[in-house]
PDB file of N, CA and C in Angstrom:
ATOM      1  N   UNK A   1      65.345  60.007  75.432  1.00  0.00           N
ATOM      2  CA  UNK A   1      64.784  61.999  77.282  1.00  0.00           C
ATOM      3  C   UNK A   1      66.462  62.760  77.354  1.00  0.00           C
ATOM      4  N   UNK A   2      67.576  61.709  77.570  1.00  0.00           N
ATOM      5  CA  UNK A   2      68.517  62.224  77.331  1.00  0.00           C
ATOM      6  C   UNK A   2      69.792  63.720  76.190  1.00  0.00           C
ATOM      7  N   UNK A   3      68.798  62.707  75.136  1.00  0.00           N
ATOM      8  CA  UNK A   3      69.189  63.695  73.798  1.00  0.00           C
ATOM      9  C   UNK A   3      68.668  64.407  73.769  1.00  0.00           C
ATOM     10  N   UNK A   4      66.877  64.452  74.621  1.00  0.00           N
ATOM     11  CA  UNK A   4      66.391  65.873  74.085  1.00  0.00           C
ATOM     12  C   UNK A   4      67.101  66.850  75.576  1.00  0.00           C
ATOM     13  N   UNK A   5      67.710  66.659  77.025  1.00  0.00           N
ATOM     14  CA  UNK A   5      67.890  67.570  77.538  1.00  0.00           C
ATOM     15  C   UNK A   5      69.528  67.863  77.183  1.00  0.00           C
ATOM     16  N   UNK A   6      69.914  67.453  76.917  1.00  0.00           N
ATOM     17  CA  UNK A   6      71.002  67.998  76.225  1.00  0.00           C
ATOM     18  C   UNK A   6      71.249  69.411  75.151  1.00  0.00           C
ATOM     19  N   UNK A   7      69.900  69.218  74.303  1.00  0.00           N
ATOM     20  CA  UNK A   7      70.082  69.718  73.569  1.00  0.00           C
ATOM     21  C   UNK A   7      69.092  70.903  73.366  1.00  0.00           C
ATOM     22  N   UNK A   8      68.033  71.264  74.848  1.00  0.00           N
ATOM     23  CA  UNK A   8      67.376  71.635  75.069  1.00  0.00           C
ATOM     24  C   UNK A   8      68.229  72.856  75.863  1.00  0.00           C
ATOM     25  N   UNK A   9      69.540  72.543  76.212  1.00  0.00           N
ATOM     26  CA  UNK A   9      70.990  72.751  77.507  1.00  0.00           C
ATOM     27  C   UNK A   9      71.580  73.716  76.338  1.00  0.00           C
ATOM     28  N   UNK A  10      71.292  73.256  75.572  1.00  0.00           N
ATOM     29  CA  UNK A  10      72.933  74.061  74.339  1.00  0.00           C
ATOM     30  C   UNK A  10      71.846  74.777  73.760  1.00  0.00           C
ATOM     31  N   UNK A  11      70.519  74.200  73.520  1.00  0.00           N
ATOM     32  CA  UNK A  11      69.010  76.080  72.516  1.00  0.00           C
ATOM     33  C   UNK A  11      69.410  76.492  74.148  1.00  0.00           C
ATOM     34  N   UNK A  12      69.364  77.199  75.240  1.00  0.00           N
ATOM     35  CA  UNK A  12      69.102  77.854  76.786  1.00  0.00           C
ATOM     36  C   UNK A  12      70.674  78.600  76.354  1.00  0.00           C
ATOM     37  N   UNK A  13      71.137  78.159  75.692  1.00  0.00           N
ATOM     38  CA  UNK A  13      72.968  78.781  75.863  1.00  0.00           C
ATOM     39  C   UNK A  13      73.434  79.389  75.054  1.00  0.00           C
ATOM     40  N   UNK A  14      72.042  78.755  73.830  1.00  0.00           N
ATOM     41  CA  UNK A  14      72.437  79.934  72.386  1.00  0.00           C
ATOM     42  C   UNK A  14      71.540  80.889  72.176  1.00  0.00           C
ATOM     43  N   UNK A  15      70.832  80.971  73.512  1.00  0.00           N
ATOM     44  CA  UNK A  15      69.345  81.886  73.965  1.00  0.00           C
ATOM     45  C   UNK A  15      70.452  83.222  74.238  1.00  0.00           C
ATOM     46  N   UNK A  16      70.480  82.275  75.597  1.00  0.00           N
ATOM     47  CA  UNK A  16      71.861  83.618  76.468  1.00  0.00           C
ATOM     48  C   UNK A  16      72.796  84.404  75.828  1.00  0.00           C
ATOM     49  N   UNK A  17      73.775  83.368  74.448  1.00  0.00           N
ATOM     50  CA  UNK A  17      74.369  84.119  74.021  1.00  0.00           C
ATOM     51  C   UNK A  17      74.148  84.775  73.383  1.00  0.00           C
ATOM     52  N   UNK A  18      72.627  84.630  72.492  1.00  0.00           N
ATOM     53  CA  UNK A  18      72.153  85.732  71.516  1.00  0.00           C
ATOM     54  C   UNK A  18      72.048  87.185  71.757  1.00  0.00           C
ATOM     55  N   UNK A  19      71.090  87.082  73.029  1.00  0.00           N
ATOM     56  CA  UNK A  19      71.085  88.187  74.146  1.00  0.00           C
ATOM     57  C   UNK A  19      72.359  89.143  74.920  1.00  0.00           C
ATOM     58  N   UNK A  20      72.558  88.308  75.481  1.00  0.00           N
ATOM     59  CA  UNK A  20      73.881  88.979  75.248  1.00  0.00           C
ATOM     60  C   UNK A  20      74.659  89.342  74.713  1.00  0.00           C
ATOM     61  N   UNK A  21      75.105  89.086  73.857  1.00  0.00           N
ATOM     62  CA  UNK A  21      76.081  90.186  72.614  1.00  0.00           C
ATOM     63  C   UNK A  21      74.980  91.496  72.710  1.00  0.00           C
ATOM     64  N   UNK A  22      73.266  90.481  71.985  1.00  0.00           N
ATOM     65  CA  UNK A  22      73.019  92.167  71.404  1.00  0.00           C
ATOM     66  C   UNK A  22      72.470  93.472  72.721  1.00  0.00           C
ATOM     67  N   UNK A  23      73.196  93.175  73.763  1.00  0.00           N
ATOM     68  CA  UNK A  23      72.424  93.989  74.952  1.00  0.00           C
ATOM     69  C   UNK A  23      73.955  94.385  75.406  1.00  0.00           C
ATOM     70  N   UNK A  24      74.818  94.650  74.618  1.00  0.00           N
ATOM     71  CA  UNK A  24      76.180  95.186  74.890  1.00  0.00           C
ATOM     72  C   UNK A  24      76.479  95.897  73.878  1.00  0.00           C
ATOM     73  N   UNK A  25      76.193  95.803  72.682  1.00  0.00           N
ATOM     74  CA  UNK A  25      76.695  95.875  71.430  1.00  0.00           C
ATOM     75  C   UNK A  25      76.596  97.818  72.336  1.00  0.00           C
ATOM     76  N   UNK A  26      78.491  98.067  70.970  1.00  0.00           N
ATOM     77  CA  UNK A  26      78.729  99.939  71.249  1.00  0.00           C
ATOM     78  C   UNK A  26      77.413 100.549  70.998  1.00  0.00           C
ATOM     79  N   UNK A  27      77.232 101.837  71.976  1.00  0.00           N
ATOM     80  CA  UNK A  27      76.452 103.356  71.826  1.00  0.00           C
ATOM     81  C   UNK A  27      77.281 103.729  71.136  1.00  0.00           C
ATOM     82  N   UNK A  28      78.196 103.430  70.513  1.00  0.00           N
ATOM     83  CA  UNK A  28      79.295 105.014  69.896  1.00  0.00           C
ATOM     84  C   UNK A  28      80.534 104.588  70.561  1.00  0.00           C
ATOM     85  N   UNK A  29      81.563 105.620  69.320  1.00  0.00           N
ATOM     86  CA  UNK A  29      82.509 105.706  69.877  1.00  0.00           C
ATOM     87  C   UNK A  29      83.347 106.985  70.037  1.00  0.00           C
ATOM     88  N   UNK A  30      84.650 106.689  70.586  1.00  0.00           N
ATOM     89  CA  UNK A  30      85.215 108.021  71.390  1.00  0.00           C
ATOM     90  C   UNK A  30      86.092 108.453  69.792  1.00  0.00           C
ATOM     91  N   UNK A  31      86.414 109.853  69.335  1.00  0.00           N
ATOM     92  CA  UNK A  31      87.401 110.180  68.271  1.00  0.00           C
ATOM     93  C   UNK A  31      88.112 111.186  69.110  1.00  0.00           C
ATOM     94  N   UNK A  32      89.532 111.511  68.545  1.00  0.00           N
ATOM     95  CA  UNK A  32      89.875 112.743  68.942  1.00  0.00           C
ATOM     96  C   UNK A  32      88.571 113.765  67.658  1.00  0.00           C
ATOM     97  N   UNK A  33      89.479 115.265  68.242  1.00  0.00           N
ATOM     98  CA  UNK A  33      88.688 116.713  67.739  1.00  0.00           C
ATOM     99  C   UNK A  33      89.200 116.690  66.571  1.00  0.00           C
ATOM    100  N   UNK A  34      90.453 116.199  66.796  1.00  0.00           N
ATOM    101  CA  UNK A  34      90.682 116.319  64.702  1.00  0.00           C
ATOM    102  C   UNK A  34      90.518 115.368  63.988  1.00  0.00           C
ATOM    103  N   UNK A  35      89.988 114.383  64.028  1.00  0.00           N
ATOM    104  CA  UNK A  35      89.366 112.982  63.742  1.00  0.00           C
ATOM    105  C   UNK A  35      87.637 114.089  62.979  1.00  0.00           C
ATOM    106  N   UNK A  36      86.534 114.782  63.560  1.00  0.00           N
ATOM    107  CA  UNK A  36      85.758 115.539  63.731  1.00  0.00           C
ATOM    108  C   UNK A  36      85.083 115.572  61.831  1.00  0.00           C
ATOM    109  N   UNK A  37      85.984 116.081  61.499  1.00  0.00           N
ATOM    110  CA  UNK A  37      85.703 116.189  60.027  1.00  0.00           C
ATOM    111  C   UNK A  37      85.585 115.092  59.790  1.00  0.00           C
ATOM    112  N   UNK A  38      85.901 113.754  59.574  1.00  0.00           N
ATOM    113  CA  UNK A  38      85.864 111.694  58.806  1.00  0.00           C
ATOM    114  C   UNK A  38      84.712 112.000  59.409  1.00  0.00           C
ATOM    115  N   UNK A  39      84.220 112.408  60.260  1.00  0.00           N
ATOM    116  CA  UNK A  39      82.748 111.517  60.762  1.00  0.00           C
ATOM    117  C   UNK A  39      81.625 112.531  60.017  1.00  0.00           C
ATOM    118  N   UNK A  40      81.737 113.654  59.441  1.00  0.00           N
ATOM    119  CA  UNK A  40      80.791 114.128  58.267  1.00  0.00           C
ATOM    120  C   UNK A  40      79.690 112.973  58.436  1.00  0.00           C
ATOM    121  N   UNK A  41      78.621 113.964  58.870  1.00  0.00           N
ATOM    122  CA  UNK A  41      77.613 112.762  58.446  1.00  0.00           C
ATOM    123  C   UNK A  41      76.946 111.628  59.526  1.00  0.00           C
ATOM    124  N   UNK A  42      78.129 111.809  60.769  1.00  0.00           N
ATOM    125  CA  UNK A  42      77.902 111.138  61.332  1.00  0.00           C
ATOM    126  C   UNK A  42      76.890 111.690  62.272  1.00  0.00           C
ATOM    127  N   UNK A  43      76.421 111.462  63.634  1.00  0.00           N
ATOM    128  CA  UNK A  43      75.099 112.035  65.004  1.00  0.00           C
ATOM    129  C   UNK A  43      76.956 112.388  65.811  1.00  0.00           C
ATOM    130  N   UNK A  44      76.772 113.299  66.534  1.00  0.00           N
ATOM    131  CA  UNK A  44      77.292 113.782  67.211  1.00  0.00           C
ATOM    132  C   UNK A  44      77.141 113.470  68.675  1.00  0.00           C
ATOM    133  N   UNK A  45      76.901 112.254  69.359  1.00  0.00           N
ATOM    134  CA  UNK A  45      76.491 112.159  70.388  1.00  0.00           C
ATOM    135  C   UNK A  45      77.034 113.538  71.911  1.00  0.00           C
ATOM    136  N   UNK A  46      78.579 113.345  72.106  1.00  0.00           N
ATOM    137  CA  UNK A  46      78.709 114.615  72.925  1.00  0.00           C
ATOM    138  C   UNK A  46      80.053 115.244  72.755  1.00  0.00           C
ATOM    139  N   UNK A  47      81.096 116.301  73.075  1.00  0.00           N
ATOM    140  CA  UNK A  47      82.114 116.542  73.351  1.00  0.00           C
ATOM    141  C   UNK A  47      82.481 117.318  73.823  1.00  0.00           C
ATOM    142  N   UNK A  48      83.955 116.787  74.457  1.00  0.00           N
ATOM    143  CA  UNK A  48      85.488 117.339  75.419  1.00  0.00           C
ATOM    144  C   UNK A  48      85.585 118.325  74.888  1.00  0.00           C
ATOM    145  N   UNK A  49      85.101 119.872  75.097  1.00  0.00           N
ATOM    146  CA  UNK A  49      86.269 121.132  74.292  1.00  0.00           C
ATOM    147  C   UNK A  49      87.561 121.080  74.630  1.00  0.00           C
ATOM    148  N   UNK A  50      87.836 121.854  74.135  1.00  0.00           N
ATOM    149  CA  UNK A  50      89.944 121.968  74.407  1.00  0.00           C
ATOM    150  C   UNK A  50      89.584 122.854  75.805  1.00  0.00           C
ATOM    151  N   UNK A  51      88.919 123.674  76.249  1.00  0.00           N
ATOM    152  CA  UNK A  51      88.962 124.582  78.136  1.00  0.00           C
ATOM    153  C   UNK A  51      88.037 123.439  78.880  1.00  0.00           C
ATOM    154  N   UNK A  52      87.598 122.109  78.639  1.00  0.00           N
ATOM    155  CA  UNK A  52      87.458 121.047  79.501  1.00  0.00           C
ATOM    156  C   UNK A  52      85.999 120.924  80.238  1.00  0.00           C
ATOM    157  N   UNK A  53      85.428 121.840  79.257  1.00  0.00           N
ATOM    158  CA  UNK A  53      83.044 122.419  79.340  1.00  0.00           C
ATOM    159  C   UNK A  53      83.340 120.786  77.830  1.00  0.00           C
ATOM    160  N   UNK A  54      82.416 120.216  78.829  1.00  0.00           N
ATOM    161  CA  UNK A  54      81.734 119.146  78.622  1.00  0.00           C
ATOM    162  C   UNK A  54      80.558 119.293  77.285  1.00  0.00           C
ATOM    163  N   UNK A  55      80.191 118.956  76.975  1.00  0.00           N
ATOM    164  CA  UNK A  55      78.591 119.360  76.028  1.00  0.00           C
ATOM    165  C   UNK A  55      78.252 118.094  75.164  1.00  0.00           C
ATOM    166  N   UNK A  56      76.911 118.132  76.035  1.00  0.00           N
ATOM    167  CA  UNK A  56      76.071 116.278  75.916  1.00  0.00           C
ATOM    168  C   UNK A  56      74.774 117.105  74.509  1.00  0.00           C
ATOM    169  N   UNK A  57      74.594 116.499  73.509  1.00  0.00           N
ATOM    170  CA  UNK A  57      74.057 116.663  72.915  1.00  0.00           C
ATOM    171  C   UNK A  57      72.735 116.538  73.400  1.00  0.00           C
ATOM    172  N   UNK A  58      71.142 116.781  72.411  1.00  0.00           N
ATOM    173  CA  UNK A  58      69.349 115.467  73.007  1.00  0.00           C
ATOM    174  C   UNK A  58      70.044 114.888  71.764  1.00  0.00           C
ATOM    175  N   UNK A  59      69.021 114.300  71.505  1.00  0.00           N
ATOM    176  CA  UNK A  59      68.637 112.960  70.750  1.00  0.00           C
ATOM    177  C   UNK A  59      68.584 113.065  69.525  1.00  0.00           C
ATOM    178  N   UNK A  60      68.586 114.231  69.138  1.00  0.00           N
ATOM    179  CA  UNK A  60      69.084 114.684  67.534  1.00  0.00           C
ATOM    180  C   UNK A  60      70.290 114.625  67.327  1.00  0.00           C
ATOM    181  N   UNK A  61      71.252 115.147  68.149  1.00  0.00           N
ATOM    182  CA  UNK A  61      72.830 115.271  67.651  1.00  0.00           C
ATOM    183  C   UNK A  61      72.990 116.434  67.766  1.00  0.00           C
ATOM    184  N   UNK A  62      74.190 116.808  67.163  1.00  0.00           N
ATOM    185  CA  UNK A  62      75.207 117.962  66.945  1.00  0.00           C
ATOM    186  C   UNK A  62      75.273 116.676  65.721  1.00  0.00           C
ATOM    187  N   UNK A  63      75.591 117.305  64.479  1.00  0.00           N
ATOM    188  CA  UNK A  63      76.544 117.757  63.382  1.00  0.00           C
ATOM    189  C   UNK A  63      77.089 118.193  62.799  1.00  0.00           C
ATOM    190  N   UNK A  64      78.950 117.605  61.851  1.00  0.00           N
ATOM    191  CA  UNK A  64      79.242 118.774  61.473  1.00  0.00           C
ATOM    192  C   UNK A  64      79.222 118.460  61.008  1.00  0.00           C
ATOM    193  N   UNK A  65      79.623 120.054  60.194  1.00  0.00           N
ATOM    194  CA  UNK A  65      78.538 121.352  58.679  1.00  0.00           C
ATOM    195  C   UNK A  65      80.613 121.372  58.015  1.00  0.00           C
ATOM    196  N   UNK A  66      80.712 121.326  56.723  1.00  0.00           N
ATOM    197  CA  UNK A  66      82.184 121.592  56.550  1.00  0.00           C
ATOM    198  C   UNK A  66      82.006 123.317  56.256  1.00  0.00           C
ATOM    199  N   UNK A  67      80.599 123.552  56.196  1.00  0.00           N
ATOM    200  CA  UNK A  67      80.064 125.362  55.530  1.00  0.00           C
ATOM    201  C   UNK A  67      78.861 125.791  55.893  1.00  0.00           C
ATOM    202  N   UNK A  68      78.458 126.279  57.118  1.00  0.00           N
ATOM    203  CA  UNK A  68      77.502 125.814  57.636  1.00  0.00           C
ATOM    204  C   UNK A  68      77.022 127.664  58.252  1.00  0.00           C
ATOM    205  N   UNK A  69      76.323 128.401  57.142  1.00  0.00           N
ATOM    206  CA  UNK A  69      75.948 129.815  57.064  1.00  0.00           C
ATOM    207  C   UNK A  69      77.415 130.770  56.470  1.00  0.00           C
ATOM    208  N   UNK A  70      77.919 131.820  57.282  1.00  0.00           N
ATOM    209  CA  UNK A  70      78.867 132.236  56.507  1.00  0.00           C
ATOM    210  C   UNK A  70      80.175 130.985  57.552  1.00  0.00           C
ATOM    211  N   UNK A  71      80.080 130.557  58.426  1.00  0.00           N
ATOM    212  CA  UNK A  71      80.867 129.781  59.766  1.00  0.00           C
ATOM    213  C   UNK A  71      81.369 128.558  58.602  1.00  0.00           C
ATOM    214  N   UNK A  72      82.836 128.198  58.825  1.00  0.00           N
ATOM    215  CA  UNK A  72      83.372 127.006  58.274  1.00  0.00           C
ATOM    216  C   UNK A  72      83.916 126.116  59.311  1.00  0.00           C
ATOM    217  N   UNK A  73      83.844 124.690  59.419  1.00  0.00           N
ATOM    218  CA  UNK A  73      84.023 123.815  60.437  1.00  0.00           C
ATOM    219  C   UNK A  73      84.000 123.672  61.464  1.00  0.00           C
ATOM    220  N   UNK A  74      82.695 123.097  61.387  1.00  0.00           N
ATOM    221  CA  UNK A  74      81.456 123.877  62.680  1.00  0.00           C
ATOM    222  C   UNK A  74      81.031 122.381  62.880  1.00  0.00           C
ATOM    223  N   UNK A  75      80.330 122.198  63.684  1.00  0.00           N
ATOM    224  CA  UNK A  75      79.696 121.228  65.289  1.00  0.00           C
ATOM    225  C   UNK A  75      78.634 122.181  65.455  1.00  0.00           C
ATOM    226  N   UNK A  76      76.986 121.340  65.298  1.00  0.00           N
ATOM    227  CA  UNK A  76      75.385 122.476  65.108  1.00  0.00           C
ATOM    228  C   UNK A  76      74.768 121.767  65.954  1.00  0.00           C
ATOM    229  N   UNK A  77      73.673 122.090  67.082  1.00  0.00           N
ATOM    230  CA  UNK A  77      73.203 121.342  67.176  1.00  0.00           C
ATOM    231  C   UNK A  77      72.245 121.784  68.281  1.00  0.00           C
ATOM    232  N   UNK A  78      71.470 120.992  68.887  1.00  0.00           N
ATOM    233  CA  UNK A  78      71.444 121.688  70.255  1.00  0.00           C
ATOM    234  C   UNK A  78      71.322 120.680  71.337  1.00  0.00           C
ATOM    235  N   UNK A  79      71.487 121.552  72.991  1.00  0.00           N
ATOM    236  CA  UNK A  79      72.059 120.686  74.076  1.00  0.00           C
ATOM    237  C   UNK A  79      70.911 119.939  74.167  1.00  0.00           C
ATOM    238  N   UNK A  80      71.240 118.520  75.668  1.00  0.00           N
ATOM    239  CA  UNK A  80      69.947 118.178  76.402  1.00  0.00           C
ATOM    240  C   UNK A  80      69.331 119.681  76.747  1.00  0.00           C
ATOM    241  N   UNK A  81      69.591 120.533  77.139  1.00  0.00           N
ATOM    242  CA  UNK A  81      69.398 121.392  77.808  1.00  0.00           C
ATOM    243  C   UNK A  81      68.651 122.420  76.822  1.00  0.00           C
ATOM    244  N   UNK A  82      68.572 122.049  75.839  1.00  0.00           N
ATOM    245  CA  UNK A  82      67.552 123.498  74.824  1.00  0.00           C
ATOM    246  C   UNK A  82      68.584 123.974  73.761  1.00  0.00           C
ATOM    247  N   UNK A  83      69.184 124.302  74.352  1.00  0.00           N
ATOM    248  CA  UNK A  83      70.178 125.575  74.214  1.00  0.00           C
ATOM    249  C   UNK A  83      70.301 125.504  72.367  1.00  0.00           C
ATOM    250  N   UNK A  84      70.265 125.989  71.720  1.00  0.00           N
ATOM    251  CA  UNK A  84      71.306 125.832  70.275  1.00  0.00           C
ATOM    252  C   UNK A  84      73.097 126.272  70.084  1.00  0.00           C
ATOM    253  N   UNK A  85      73.945 125.561  70.342  1.00  0.00           N
ATOM    254  CA  UNK A  85      75.011 125.506  69.304  1.00  0.00           C
ATOM    255  C   UNK A  85      75.721 125.515  68.717  1.00  0.00           C
ATOM    256  N   UNK A  86      76.442 126.565  67.773  1.00  0.00           N
ATOM    257  CA  UNK A  86      76.997 126.073  66.900  1.00  0.00           C
ATOM    258  C   UNK A  86      78.883 126.722  67.701  1.00  0.00           C
ATOM    259  N   UNK A  87      79.925 125.267  67.476  1.00  0.00           N
ATOM    260  CA  UNK A  87      81.099 125.172  68.258  1.00  0.00           C
ATOM    261  C   UNK A  87      82.045 125.148  66.820  1.00  0.00           C
ATOM    262  N   UNK A  88      83.707 126.331  66.430  1.00  0.00           N
ATOM    263  CA  UNK A  88      83.893 125.931  65.752  1.00  0.00           C
ATOM    264  C   UNK A  88      84.706 124.261  66.162  1.00  0.00           C
ATOM    265  N   UNK A  89      84.780 123.208  65.379  1.00  0.00           N
ATOM    266  CA  UNK A  89      85.630 122.046  65.377  1.00  0.00           C
ATOM    267  C   UNK A  89      87.086 122.185  65.508  1.00  0.00           C
ATOM    268  N   UNK A  90      87.624 123.426  65.607  1.00  0.00           N
ATOM    269  CA  UNK A  90      89.022 123.622  66.899  1.00  0.00           C
ATOM    270  C   UNK A  90      89.222 123.355  67.482  1.00  0.00           C
ATOM    271  N   UNK A  91      87.909 123.783  67.493  1.00  0.00           N
ATOM    272  CA  UNK A  91      87.905 124.209  69.866  1.00  0.00           C
ATOM    273  C   UNK A  91      86.885 122.972  70.819  1.00  0.00           C
ATOM    274  N   UNK A  92      87.889 121.709  69.634  1.00  0.00           N
ATOM    275  CA  UNK A  92      86.998 120.623  69.923  1.00  0.00           C
ATOM    276  C   UNK A  92      88.114 119.378  70.608  1.00  0.00           C
ATOM    277  N   UNK A  93      88.453 118.500  71.349  1.00  0.00           N
ATOM    278  CA  UNK A  93      89.391 118.040  71.624  1.00  0.00           C
ATOM    279  C   UNK A  93      88.782 116.856  71.362  1.00  0.00           C
ATOM    280  N   UNK A  94      87.683 116.322  71.846  1.00  0.00           N
ATOM    281  CA  UNK A  94      87.440 114.769  71.944  1.00  0.00           C
ATOM    282  C   UNK A  94      85.875 114.576  71.086  1.00  0.00           C
ATOM    283  N   UNK A  95      85.063 113.745  70.534  1.00  0.00           N
ATOM    284  CA  UNK A  95      84.537 113.773  70.940  1.00  0.00           C
ATOM    285  C   UNK A  95      83.548 112.548  70.140  1.00  0.00           C
ATOM    286  N   UNK A  96      81.720 112.117  71.143  1.00  0.00           N
ATOM    287  CA  UNK A  96      81.699 111.068  71.207  1.00  0.00           C
ATOM    288  C   UNK A  96      81.052 110.766  69.812  1.00  0.00           C
ATOM    289  N   UNK A  97      80.652 110.201  68.997  1.00  0.00           N
ATOM    290  CA  UNK A  97      79.899 109.790  68.146  1.00  0.00           C
ATOM    291  C   UNK A  97      79.326 108.642  68.367  1.00  0.00           C
ATOM    292  N   UNK A  98      78.206 108.305  67.574  1.00  0.00           N
ATOM    293  CA  UNK A  98      77.362 107.123  66.988  1.00  0.00           C
ATOM    294  C   UNK A  98      77.679 105.940  66.451  1.00  0.00           C
ATOM    295  N   UNK A  99      77.859 104.935  66.963  1.00  0.00           N
ATOM    296  CA  UNK A  99      78.301 103.824  65.893  1.00  0.00           C
ATOM    297  C   UNK A  99      76.733 103.791  64.124  1.00  0.00           C
ATOM    298  N   UNK A 100      77.099 103.620  63.917  1.00  0.00           N
ATOM    299  CA  UNK A 100      76.576 103.758  62.553  1.00  0.00           C
ATOM    300  C   UNK A 100      75.091 101.916  62.524  1.00  0.00           C
ATOM    301  N   UNK A 101      76.307 100.698  62.826  1.00  0.00           N
ATOM    302  CA  UNK A 101      75.338  99.744  63.738  1.00  0.00           C
ATOM    303  C   UNK A 101      74.967  99.672  65.099  1.00  0.00           C
ATOM    304  N   UNK A 102      74.937 100.525  65.392  1.00  0.00           N
ATOM    305  CA  UNK A 102      74.254  99.995  67.122  1.00  0.00           C
ATOM    306  C   UNK A 102      73.001 101.072  66.983  1.00  0.00           C
ATOM    307  N   UNK A 103      72.257 102.133  66.270  1.00  0.00           N
ATOM    308  CA  UNK A 103      71.323 102.411  65.890  1.00  0.00           C
ATOM    309  C   UNK A 103      70.177 101.916  66.084  1.00  0.00           C
ATOM    310  N   UNK A 104      70.470 100.435  65.586  1.00  0.00           N
ATOM    311  CA  UNK A 104      68.689  99.287  66.230  1.00  0.00           C
ATOM    312  C   UNK A 104      68.928  98.909  67.457  1.00  0.00           C
ATOM    313  N   UNK A 105      70.129  99.032  68.376  1.00  0.00           N
ATOM    314  CA  UNK A 105      70.703  99.140  69.694  1.00  0.00           C
ATOM    315  C   UNK A 105      70.203  97.334  69.663  1.00  0.00           C
ATOM    316  N   UNK A 106      68.733  96.867  70.088  1.00  0.00           N
ATOM    317  CA  UNK A 106      68.235  95.846  70.404  1.00  0.00           C
ATOM    318  C   UNK A 106      66.998  95.060  69.824  1.00  0.00           C
ATOM    319  N   UNK A 107      66.816  95.768  68.609  1.00  0.00           N
ATOM    320  CA  UNK A 107      65.356  96.188  68.141  1.00  0.00           C
ATOM    321  C   UNK A 107      65.111  93.942  67.162  1.00  0.00           C
ATOM    322  N   UNK A 108      65.180  93.682  67.463  1.00  0.00           N
ATOM    323  CA  UNK A 108      65.143  92.761  66.342  1.00  0.00           C
ATOM    324  C   UNK A 108      64.948  90.875  66.761  1.00  0.00           C
ATOM    325  N   UNK A 109      65.121  91.456  68.449  1.00  0.00           N
ATOM    326  CA  UNK A 109      66.255  90.346  69.380  1.00  0.00           C
ATOM    327  C   UNK A 109      64.871  89.768  69.971  1.00  0.00           C
ATOM    328  N   UNK A 110      63.447  90.482  70.262  1.00  0.00           N
ATOM    329  CA  UNK A 110      62.460  89.547  70.709  1.00  0.00           C
ATOM    330  C   UNK A 110      61.790  88.280  70.050  1.00  0.00           C
ATOM    331  N   UNK A 111      62.013  88.545  68.676  1.00  0.00           N
ATOM    332  CA  UNK A 111      61.145  87.355  67.626  1.00  0.00           C
ATOM    333  C   UNK A 111      62.492  86.379  68.158  1.00  0.00           C
ATOM    334  N   UNK A 112      64.106  86.170  67.514  1.00  0.00           N
ATOM    335  CA  UNK A 112      64.475  85.130  67.147  1.00  0.00           C
ATOM    336  C   UNK A 112      64.264  84.236  68.708  1.00  0.00           C
ATOM    337  N   UNK A 113      64.935  85.657  69.632  1.00  0.00           N
ATOM    338  CA  UNK A 113      64.478  84.998  71.572  1.00  0.00           C
ATOM    339  C   UNK A 113      63.486  83.557  71.723  1.00  0.00           C
ATOM    340  N   UNK A 114      62.782  84.088  71.139  1.00  0.00           N
ATOM    341  CA  UNK A 114      61.118  83.268  71.186  1.00  0.00           C
ATOM    342  C   UNK A 114      60.641  82.955  70.649  1.00  0.00           C
ATOM    343  N   UNK A 115      61.264  82.397  70.507  1.00  0.00           N
ATOM    344  CA  UNK A 115      61.186  81.111  68.440  1.00  0.00           C
ATOM    345  C   UNK A 115      61.780  80.522  69.279  1.00  0.00           C
ATOM    346  N   UNK A 116      63.672  80.605  69.864  1.00  0.00           N
ATOM    347  CA  UNK A 116      64.283  79.610  70.712  1.00  0.00           C
ATOM    348  C   UNK A 116      63.822  78.562  71.931  1.00  0.00           C
ATOM    349  N   UNK A 117      63.152  80.266  73.232  1.00  0.00           N
ATOM    350  CA  UNK A 117      62.555  79.361  73.879  1.00  0.00           C
ATOM    351  C   UNK A 117      61.191  78.345  73.659  1.00  0.00           C
ATOM    352  N   UNK A 118      60.500  78.134  72.301  1.00  0.00           N
ATOM    353  CA  UNK A 118      59.645  77.340  72.028  1.00  0.00           C
ATOM    354  C   UNK A 118      60.021  76.452  71.459  1.00  0.00           C
ATOM    355  N   UNK A 119      61.584  76.302  70.552  1.00  0.00           N
ATOM    356  CA  UNK A 119      61.857  75.357  69.998  1.00  0.00           C
ATOM    357  C   UNK A 119      62.496  74.413  71.555  1.00  0.00           C
ATOM    358  N   UNK A 120      62.715  74.906  72.489  1.00  0.00           N
ATOM    359  CA  UNK A 120      63.638  74.745  73.872  1.00  0.00           C
ATOM    360  C   UNK A 120      62.277  73.583  74.262  1.00  0.00           C
ATOM    361  N   UNK A 121      61.573  74.505  74.588  1.00  0.00           N
ATOM    362  CA  UNK A 121      59.372  74.544  74.809  1.00  0.00           C
ATOM    363  C   UNK A 121      59.261  72.773  74.069  1.00  0.00           C
ATOM    364  N   UNK A 122      59.196  72.672  73.654  1.00  0.00           N
ATOM    365  CA  UNK A 122      59.015  71.384  72.514  1.00  0.00           C
ATOM    366  C   UNK A 122      59.802  70.301  72.314  1.00  0.00           C
ATOM    367  N   UNK A 123      61.034  70.544  72.060  1.00  0.00           N
ATOM    368  CA  UNK A 123      62.311  69.832  72.381  1.00  0.00           C
ATOM    369  C   UNK A 123      62.334  69.028  73.970  1.00  0.00           C
ATOM    370  N   UNK A 124      61.278  69.737  74.749  1.00  0.00           N
ATOM    371  CA  UNK A 124      61.909  69.580  76.222  1.00  0.00           C
ATOM    372  C   UNK A 124      59.962  67.936  76.368  1.00  0.00           C
ATOM    373  N   UNK A 125      59.387  68.987  76.095  1.00  0.00           N
ATOM    374  CA  UNK A 125      58.458  68.209  75.581  1.00  0.00           C
ATOM    375  C   UNK A 125      58.255  66.640  74.879  1.00  0.00           C
TER     376      UNK A 125
END
């Protein structure tokens, strides 16, 4: 009986570790404005401009383009208020970009957590 209790406690701790790590996954990374071209193809969540103004993009995010129409090195997107913006990358002091591995967020955690709870319950009974 003592072994079952220890095993159940161990699995409970393991479950908390799995859920805790998944819940604290970073959602983005702050980068300097001069590094923005290195993140072409990565969704930009928000910008801090050299004049101090902050721009938050809608869910689609902003995107860096080396060439966009007749402009070069710009960030294009819609703000959270729905306004279309085209910002020269030279005007960007700091950018907050989405992490490629954080897009999944907590998806896929429910089944393993449910499985571990089932095993703990089976071990106790």
